[in-house]
Amino acid sequence: VGKKLINSQLLKDIPVPQTFFLKKVAKSLSKDIERTVKELKLDLVQAEQEIAALSCVYASRNLSVPVVADFHGIWLEELIASGLLKPNSSKYCKLLEVEKKIVKNVDAVLVVSDEMKRYVVDKYDLSGDFIHVIPNAAFPRRNKRPFESEVFNVVYAGTLTMRENMPLLLHAFSLVIKMYPRARLYMSGKGDA
């Protein structure tokens, strides 16, 4: 199943958003963000994912609160890995400029690992001083039960969106099944995948 999905023509036909569209949407959202921050008298704005971060960058021009961008993944690298974007293409370069605008216009950047911090520092030519590592904080709940050899329960608990590359997860799990036929994959979350 995973191999069929990862090579599906449907994936290749999904358009990567044009930068002018992203900027237009972000500017529109920024007005709502600005109004909400003022109404609620917020002390800080945290933006997760690029469109929200760009919207907050635009809104911050008229606000006096710090803006924090929270990166759980690198958008460009995810698009390349999924085959939706070619490295160094004109679209890649335009989207790279959008990401640079975000990281250079926020007060702090949060990433989930030291590796990601190094990537962001190198890719965007930044000082690491305002980039902070906050690892994912999920701890699995485990009930005590007898050990069952060669039984593996894998849980994916996250958004079920194209951005998270569910076809890659399914492909990888199809390889696990070959080695461990009793393995089980459990998925929970919301999204469009």
C-alpha atoms as a PDB file:
ATOM      1  CA  VAL A   1       0.000   0.000   0.000  1.00  0.00           C
ATOM      2  CA  GLY A   2       2.756   2.453   0.990  1.00  0.00           C
ATOM      3  CA  LYS A   3       4.678   2.030  -2.268  1.00  0.00           C
ATOM      4  CA  LYS A   4       1.547   2.651  -4.331  1.00  0.00           C
ATOM      5  CA  LEU A   5       0.783   5.795  -2.338  1.00  0.00           C
ATOM      6  CA  ILE A   6       4.290   7.227  -2.435  1.00  0.00           C
ATOM      7  CA  ASN A   7       4.470   6.804  -6.210  1.00  0.00           C
ATOM      8  CA  SER A   8       0.911   7.992  -6.785  1.00  0.00           C
ATOM      9  CA  GLN A   9       0.326  10.538  -9.537  1.00  0.00           C
ATOM     10  CA  LEU A  10      -1.994  12.318  -7.097  1.00  0.00           C
ATOM     11  CA  LEU A  11       1.013  13.371  -5.015  1.00  0.00           C
ATOM     12  CA  LYS A  12       2.852  14.734  -8.000  1.00  0.00           C
ATOM     13  CA  ASP A  13      -0.160  16.826  -9.048  1.00  0.00           C
ATOM     14  CA  ILE A  14      -0.474  18.704  -5.751  1.00  0.00           C
ATOM     15  CA  PRO A  15       0.661  22.254  -6.433  1.00  0.00           C
ATOM     16  CA  VAL A  16       3.222  23.979  -4.271  1.00  0.00           C
ATOM     17  CA  PRO A  17       1.713  27.347  -3.323  1.00  0.00           C
ATOM     18  CA  GLN A  18       2.925  30.384  -5.231  1.00  0.00           C
ATOM     19  CA  THR A  19       4.723  32.928  -3.074  1.00  0.00           C
ATOM     20  CA  PHE A  20       2.408  35.761  -4.143  1.00  0.00           C
ATOM     21  CA  PHE A  21      -0.542  33.674  -2.923  1.00  0.00           C
ATOM     22  CA  LEU A  22       1.202  32.928   0.388  1.00  0.00           C
ATOM     23  CA  LYS A  23       1.968  36.575   0.937  1.00  0.00           C
ATOM     24  CA  LYS A  24      -1.580  37.640   0.072  1.00  0.00           C
ATOM     25  CA  VAL A  25      -3.097  35.106   2.468  1.00  0.00           C
ATOM     26  CA  ALA A  26      -0.558  35.991   5.168  1.00  0.00           C
ATOM     27  CA  LYS A  27      -1.299  39.722   4.866  1.00  0.00           C
ATOM     28  CA  SER A  28      -5.017  39.023   5.103  1.00  0.00           C
ATOM     29  CA  LEU A  29      -4.559  36.827   8.186  1.00  0.00           C
ATOM     30  CA  SER A  30      -2.245  39.399   9.752  1.00  0.00           C
ATOM     31  CA  LYS A  31      -5.130  41.846  10.154  1.00  0.00           C
ATOM     32  CA  ASP A  32      -7.076  39.262  12.181  1.00  0.00           C
ATOM     33  CA  ILE A  33      -3.998  38.432  14.238  1.00  0.00           C
ATOM     34  CA  GLU A  34      -3.317  42.103  14.921  1.00  0.00           C
ATOM     35  CA  ARG A  35      -6.917  42.701  16.015  1.00  0.00           C
ATOM     36  CA  THR A  36      -6.950  39.582  18.234  1.00  0.00           C
ATOM     37  CA  VAL A  37      -3.637  40.437  19.907  1.00  0.00           C
ATOM     38  CA  LYS A  38      -4.887  43.939  20.715  1.00  0.00           C
ATOM     39  CA  GLU A  39      -8.324  42.772  21.912  1.00  0.00           C
ATOM     40  CA  LEU A  40      -6.893  40.076  24.179  1.00  0.00           C
ATOM     41  CA  LYS A  41      -3.921  42.206  25.247  1.00  0.00           C
ATOM     42  CA  LEU A  42      -1.538  39.352  24.543  1.00  0.00           C
ATOM     43  CA  ASP A  43       2.073  39.533  25.680  1.00  0.00           C
ATOM     44  CA  LEU A  44       3.522  37.200  23.064  1.00  0.00           C
ATOM     45  CA  VAL A  45       2.537  35.619  19.754  1.00  0.00           C
ATOM     46  CA  GLN A  46       3.738  32.141  18.833  1.00  0.00           C
ATOM     47  CA  ALA A  47       3.361  31.071  15.214  1.00  0.00           C
ATOM     48  CA  GLU A  48       3.567  27.454  14.155  1.00  0.00           C
ATOM     49  CA  GLN A  49       4.201  26.690  10.484  1.00  0.00           C
ATOM     50  CA  GLU A  50       5.184  29.094   7.761  1.00  0.00           C
ATOM     51  CA  ILE A  51       1.872  30.698   6.793  1.00  0.00           C
ATOM     52  CA  ALA A  52       1.086  31.548  10.418  1.00  0.00           C
ATOM     53  CA  ALA A  53       4.633  32.795  11.012  1.00  0.00           C
ATOM     54  CA  LEU A  54       4.558  35.022   7.934  1.00  0.00           C
ATOM     55  CA  SER A  55       1.166  36.383   9.013  1.00  0.00           C
ATOM     56  CA  CYS A  56       2.592  37.195  12.449  1.00  0.00           C
ATOM     57  CA  VAL A  57       5.614  38.893  10.887  1.00  0.00           C
ATOM     58  CA  TYR A  58       3.264  41.189   8.954  1.00  0.00           C
ATOM     59  CA  ALA A  59       1.118  41.789  12.055  1.00  0.00           C
ATOM     60  CA  SER A  60       4.145  42.531  14.241  1.00  0.00           C
ATOM     61  CA  ARG A  61       4.805  45.745  12.326  1.00  0.00           C
ATOM     62  CA  ASN A  62       1.837  47.293  14.139  1.00  0.00           C
ATOM     63  CA  LEU A  63       2.220  45.480  17.450  1.00  0.00           C
ATOM     64  CA  SER A  64       4.567  45.822  20.369  1.00  0.00           C
ATOM     65  CA  VAL A  65       4.674  42.153  21.380  1.00  0.00           C
ATOM     66  CA  PRO A  66       7.387  39.611  20.611  1.00  0.00           C
ATOM     67  CA  VAL A  67       6.760  37.065  17.852  1.00  0.00           C
ATOM     68  CA  VAL A  68       8.113  33.528  18.126  1.00  0.00           C
ATOM     69  CA  ALA A  69       8.268  31.177  15.131  1.00  0.00           C
ATOM     70  CA  ASP A  70       7.945  27.489  15.994  1.00  0.00           C
ATOM     71  CA  PHE A  71       9.500  25.123  13.433  1.00  0.00           C
ATOM     72  CA  HIS A  72       8.682  21.426  13.758  1.00  0.00           C
ATOM     73  CA  GLY A  73      10.042  20.720  10.304  1.00  0.00           C
ATOM     74  CA  ILE A  74      11.694  22.558   7.469  1.00  0.00           C
ATOM     75  CA  TRP A  75       9.052  23.214   4.848  1.00  0.00           C
ATOM     76  CA  LEU A  76      11.415  23.322   1.848  1.00  0.00           C
ATOM     77  CA  GLU A  77      13.117  20.075   2.794  1.00  0.00           C
ATOM     78  CA  GLU A  78       9.746  18.369   3.270  1.00  0.00           C
ATOM     79  CA  LEU A  79       8.578  19.525  -0.161  1.00  0.00           C
ATOM     80  CA  ILE A  80      11.792  18.266  -1.757  1.00  0.00           C
ATOM     81  CA  ALA A  81      11.594  14.917   0.046  1.00  0.00           C
ATOM     82  CA  SER A  82       8.003  14.437  -1.133  1.00  0.00           C
ATOM     83  CA  GLY A  83       8.984  15.191  -4.731  1.00  0.00           C
ATOM     84  CA  LEU A  84       6.866  18.350  -4.925  1.00  0.00           C
ATOM     85  CA  LEU A  85       9.786  20.748  -5.267  1.00  0.00           C
ATOM     86  CA  LYS A  86      13.178  20.599  -6.972  1.00  0.00           C
ATOM     87  CA  PRO A  87      16.228  21.902  -5.082  1.00  0.00           C
ATOM     88  CA  ASN A  88      17.407  25.306  -6.321  1.00  0.00           C
ATOM     89  CA  SER A  89      14.452  25.707  -8.698  1.00  0.00           C
ATOM     90  CA  SER A  90      12.963  29.184  -9.040  1.00  0.00           C
ATOM     91  CA  LYS A  91      10.023  28.141  -6.840  1.00  0.00           C
ATOM     92  CA  TYR A  92      12.469  26.789  -4.238  1.00  0.00           C
ATOM     93  CA  CYS A  93      14.377  30.084  -4.236  1.00  0.00           C
ATOM     94  CA  LYS A  94      11.173  32.126  -3.836  1.00  0.00           C
ATOM     95  CA  LEU A  95       9.957  29.970  -0.944  1.00  0.00           C
ATOM     96  CA  LEU A  96      13.433  30.155   0.614  1.00  0.00           C
ATOM     97  CA  GLU A  97      13.087  33.949   0.582  1.00  0.00           C
ATOM     98  CA  VAL A  98       9.760  33.618   2.416  1.00  0.00           C
ATOM     99  CA  GLU A  99      11.395  31.461   5.090  1.00  0.00           C
ATOM    100  CA  LYS A 100      14.309  33.893   5.387  1.00  0.00           C
ATOM    101  CA  LYS A 101      11.840  36.747   5.844  1.00  0.00           C
ATOM    102  CA  ILE A 102      10.230  34.818   8.681  1.00  0.00           C
ATOM    103  CA  VAL A 103      13.402  33.910  10.585  1.00  0.00           C
ATOM    104  CA  LYS A 104      14.955  37.342  10.163  1.00  0.00           C
ATOM    105  CA  ASN A 105      11.843  39.190  11.390  1.00  0.00           C
ATOM    106  CA  VAL A 106      10.842  37.285  14.514  1.00  0.00           C
ATOM    107  CA  ASP A 107      12.150  37.693  18.040  1.00  0.00           C
ATOM    108  CA  ALA A 108      12.922  34.005  18.523  1.00  0.00           C
ATOM    109  CA  VAL A 109      12.807  30.718  16.646  1.00  0.00           C
ATOM    110  CA  LEU A 110      11.944  27.438  18.361  1.00  0.00           C
ATOM    111  CA  VAL A 111      13.142  24.149  16.868  1.00  0.00           C
ATOM    112  CA  VAL A 112      12.814  20.553  18.061  1.00  0.00           C
ATOM    113  CA  SER A 113      16.445  19.385  17.909  1.00  0.00           C
ATOM    114  CA  ASP A 114      20.069  20.504  17.926  1.00  0.00           C
ATOM    115  CA  GLU A 115      20.379  19.220  14.339  1.00  0.00           C
ATOM    116  CA  MET A 116      17.508  21.441  13.266  1.00  0.00           C
ATOM    117  CA  LYS A 117      19.058  24.411  15.039  1.00  0.00           C
ATOM    118  CA  ARG A 118      22.333  23.877  13.153  1.00  0.00           C
ATOM    119  CA  TYR A 119      20.398  23.600   9.880  1.00  0.00           C
ATOM    120  CA  VAL A 120      18.494  26.861  10.509  1.00  0.00           C
ATOM    121  CA  VAL A 121      21.668  28.711  11.552  1.00  0.00           C
ATOM    122  CA  ASP A 122      23.550  27.510   8.459  1.00  0.00           C
ATOM    123  CA  LYS A 123      20.721  27.758   5.907  1.00  0.00           C
ATOM    124  CA  TYR A 124      19.609  31.253   6.882  1.00  0.00           C
ATOM    125  CA  ASP A 125      23.001  32.608   7.969  1.00  0.00           C
ATOM    126  CA  LEU A 126      21.822  33.428  11.481  1.00  0.00           C
ATOM    127  CA  SER A 127      23.279  33.684  14.920  1.00  0.00           C
ATOM    128  CA  GLY A 128      22.172  30.788  17.075  1.00  0.00           C
ATOM    129  CA  ASP A 129      21.492  33.168  19.975  1.00  0.00           C
ATOM    130  CA  PHE A 130      17.793  33.569  19.294  1.00  0.00           C
ATOM    131  CA  ILE A 131      17.163  29.981  18.165  1.00  0.00           C
ATOM    132  CA  HIS A 132      16.089  27.720  21.005  1.00  0.00           C
ATOM    133  CA  VAL A 133      15.757  23.945  21.098  1.00  0.00           C
ATOM    134  CA  ILE A 134      12.590  22.635  22.724  1.00  0.00           C
ATOM    135  CA  PRO A 135      12.287  18.900  22.099  1.00  0.00           C
ATOM    136  CA  ASN A 136       8.900  17.347  21.498  1.00  0.00           C
ATOM    137  CA  ALA A 137       7.407  16.559  24.875  1.00  0.00           C
ATOM    138  CA  ALA A 138       5.406  13.412  24.211  1.00  0.00           C
ATOM    139  CA  PHE A 139       5.890  10.555  26.620  1.00  0.00           C
ATOM    140  CA  PRO A 140       4.153   7.296  25.781  1.00  0.00           C
ATOM    141  CA  ARG A 141       1.874   5.838  28.410  1.00  0.00           C
ATOM    142  CA  ARG A 142       2.767   2.250  29.076  1.00  0.00           C
ATOM    143  CA  ASN A 143       0.770  -0.305  30.925  1.00  0.00           C
ATOM    144  CA  LYS A 144       2.729  -3.172  32.375  1.00  0.00           C
ATOM    145  CA  ARG A 145       2.141  -6.311  30.389  1.00  0.00           C
ATOM    146  CA  PRO A 146       4.099  -9.431  29.576  1.00  0.00           C
ATOM    147  CA  PHE A 147       6.756  -9.086  26.919  1.00  0.00           C
ATOM    148  CA  GLU A 148       5.599 -10.361  23.553  1.00  0.00           C
ATOM    149  CA  SER A 149       8.486 -11.173  21.244  1.00  0.00           C
ATOM    150  CA  GLU A 150       8.385  -9.671  17.761  1.00  0.00           C
ATOM    151  CA  VAL A 151       5.199  -7.690  18.446  1.00  0.00           C
ATOM    152  CA  PHE A 152       5.701  -4.007  17.838  1.00  0.00           C
ATOM    153  CA  ASN A 153       3.015  -1.406  18.250  1.00  0.00           C
ATOM    154  CA  VAL A 154       3.926   1.822  16.518  1.00  0.00           C
ATOM    155  CA  VAL A 155       1.855   4.915  17.249  1.00  0.00           C
ATOM    156  CA  TYR A 156       1.775   8.027  15.096  1.00  0.00           C
ATOM    157  CA  ALA A 157       0.063  10.829  17.025  1.00  0.00           C
ATOM    158  CA  GLY A 158       0.140  13.981  14.986  1.00  0.00           C
ATOM    159  CA  THR A 159      -1.562  15.856  12.218  1.00  0.00           C
ATOM    160  CA  LEU A 160      -2.597  13.770   9.255  1.00  0.00           C
ATOM    161  CA  THR A 161      -1.663  16.253   6.555  1.00  0.00           C
ATOM    162  CA  MET A 162       0.299  16.193   3.347  1.00  0.00           C
ATOM    163  CA  ARG A 163       2.988  18.213   5.102  1.00  0.00           C
ATOM    164  CA  GLU A 164       3.657  15.299   7.464  1.00  0.00           C
ATOM    165  CA  ASN A 165       4.245  12.952   4.485  1.00  0.00           C
ATOM    166  CA  MET A 166       1.955  10.113   5.493  1.00  0.00           C
ATOM    167  CA  PRO A 167       2.868   8.152   2.316  1.00  0.00           C
ATOM    168  CA  LEU A 168       6.466   7.976   3.542  1.00  0.00           C
ATOM    169  CA  LEU A 169       5.299   6.673   6.924  1.00  0.00           C
ATOM    170  CA  LEU A 170       3.168   4.013   5.233  1.00  0.00           C
ATOM    171  CA  HIS A 171       6.019   3.027   2.931  1.00  0.00           C
ATOM    172  CA  ALA A 172       8.426   2.749   5.867  1.00  0.00           C
ATOM    173  CA  PHE A 173       5.915   0.701   7.826  1.00  0.00           C
ATOM    174  CA  SER A 174       5.462  -1.654   4.875  1.00  0.00           C
ATOM    175  CA  LEU A 175       9.186  -2.437   5.247  1.00  0.00           C
ATOM    176  CA  VAL A 176       8.738  -3.036   8.983  1.00  0.00           C
ATOM    177  CA  ILE A 177       5.881  -5.475   8.292  1.00  0.00           C
ATOM    178  CA  LYS A 178       8.197  -7.562   6.103  1.00  0.00           C
ATOM    179  CA  MET A 179      10.582  -8.000   9.018  1.00  0.00           C
ATOM    180  CA  TYR A 180       7.968  -8.150  11.783  1.00  0.00           C
ATOM    181  CA  PRO A 181       4.660  -9.459  10.411  1.00  0.00           C
ATOM    182  CA  ARG A 182       2.908  -8.979  13.769  1.00  0.00           C
ATOM    183  CA  ALA A 183       3.763  -5.263  13.921  1.00  0.00           C
ATOM    184  CA  ARG A 184       0.815  -2.855  14.092  1.00  0.00           C
ATOM    185  CA  LEU A 185       0.579   0.808  13.163  1.00  0.00           C
ATOM    186  CA  TYR A 186      -1.883   3.023  15.046  1.00  0.00           C
ATOM    187  CA  MET A 187      -2.560   6.542  13.839  1.00  0.00           C
ATOM    188  CA  SER A 188      -4.434   9.310  15.592  1.00  0.00           C
ATOM    189  CA  GLY A 189      -4.906  12.921  14.783  1.00  0.00           C
ATOM    190  CA  LYS A 190      -6.814  15.275  12.539  1.00  0.00           C
ATOM    191  CA  GLY A 191      -6.108  16.375   9.025  1.00  0.00           C
ATOM    192  CA  ASP A 192      -6.639  15.849   5.362  1.00  0.00           C
ATOM    193  CA  ALA A 193      -4.545  12.740   4.689  1.00  0.00           C
END
